[in-house]
Protein backbone atom coordinates (compact mmCIF):
# COMPACT_ATOMS: atom_id res chain seq x y z
CA MET A 1 -2.85 -12.51 47.14
CA VAL A 2 -5.52 -9.88 47.82
CA ASP A 3 -6.15 -7.13 45.27
CA PRO A 4 -5.89 -3.58 46.60
CA PRO A 5 -9.14 -1.62 46.87
CA PRO A 6 -10.01 0.61 43.89
CA LEU A 7 -9.18 4.30 44.00
CA PRO A 8 -12.00 6.72 44.78
CA PRO A 9 -13.69 8.08 41.63
CA ARG A 10 -12.44 11.62 42.28
CA LEU A 11 -8.86 10.38 41.90
CA THR A 12 -9.52 8.56 38.65
CA ARG A 13 -11.06 11.50 36.76
CA VAL A 14 -8.53 12.75 34.25
CA SER A 15 -9.68 16.37 34.46
CA THR A 16 -9.10 16.37 38.23
CA VAL A 17 -5.60 14.93 37.88
CA ILE A 18 -4.63 17.39 35.12
CA GLY A 19 -6.06 20.34 37.04
CA LEU A 20 -4.38 19.39 40.31
CA GLY A 21 -1.05 18.79 38.58
CA THR A 22 -1.25 22.17 36.86
CA LEU A 23 -2.06 23.92 40.13
CA LEU A 24 0.92 22.23 41.78
CA TRP A 25 3.24 23.45 38.99
CA ILE A 26 1.84 27.00 39.39
CA ALA A 27 2.46 26.81 43.15
CA ALA A 28 5.98 25.50 42.53
CA THR A 29 6.65 28.37 40.12
CA ALA A 30 5.53 30.94 42.67
CA GLY A 31 7.39 29.23 45.50
CA THR A 32 10.68 28.94 43.64
CA ALA A 33 10.44 32.51 42.35
CA LEU A 34 9.78 33.90 45.84
CA ALA A 35 12.55 31.77 47.34
CA GLY A 36 15.09 33.16 44.90
CA ALA A 37 15.85 29.84 43.22
CA PRO A 38 18.06 29.81 40.11
CA GLY A 39 16.36 30.89 36.91
CA LEU A 40 16.43 27.41 35.38
CA VAL A 41 14.42 26.00 38.29
CA VAL A 42 11.79 28.72 38.01
CA LEU A 43 11.67 28.28 34.22
CA THR A 44 11.24 24.52 34.59
CA CYS A 45 8.27 25.04 36.92
CA ALA A 46 6.76 27.66 34.60
CA VAL A 47 7.07 25.33 31.60
CA GLY A 48 5.45 22.54 33.62
CA ALA A 49 2.52 24.84 34.43
CA GLY A 50 2.23 25.86 30.79
CA LEU A 51 2.25 22.27 29.56
CA GLY A 52 -0.33 21.34 32.17
CA ALA A 53 -2.59 24.17 31.03
CA ALA A 54 -2.14 23.15 27.39
CA GLY A 55 -2.90 19.52 28.27
CA TRP A 56 -6.04 20.55 30.12
CA GLY A 57 -7.17 22.59 27.12
CA ILE A 58 -6.53 19.74 24.67
CA PHE A 59 -8.30 17.26 26.91
CA THR A 60 -11.33 19.55 27.22
CA TRP A 61 -11.39 20.10 23.46
CA GLN A 62 -11.23 16.36 22.72
CA ARG A 63 -13.88 15.56 25.34
CA ALA A 64 -16.23 18.14 23.82
CA ALA A 65 -15.64 16.67 20.34
CA ALA A 66 -16.34 13.16 21.63
CA ARG A 67 -19.56 14.30 23.31
CA ARG A 68 -20.90 15.93 20.16
CA GLY A 69 -20.03 12.82 18.15
CA SER A 70 -17.23 14.14 15.96
CA ARG A 71 -15.68 11.38 13.84
CA THR A 72 -12.16 12.68 14.47
CA ALA A 73 -12.49 12.74 18.25
CA GLN A 74 -10.55 10.31 20.39
CA GLN A 75 -12.61 7.40 21.62
CA GLY A 76 -12.95 6.46 25.28
CA ILE A 77 -12.54 9.94 26.76
CA GLU A 78 -14.65 10.14 29.87
CA THR A 79 -15.47 12.89 32.29
């Protein structure tokens, strides 16, 4: 059995994945709001965008702490 080729580096960077996911939730929020979708659908998309933004902020905060050598920072966080 042959192993599949590795993913390109741009698809394995966590910050890229979080940012792209957040942008997709923002686009879904705008799209569902403009399409007149039920309020729960729009709210679900808005919460997804908010959680993505919070996740991006937490990741950036932890990465900065790891780079400056903070003892309480998570280990193994890469760019």
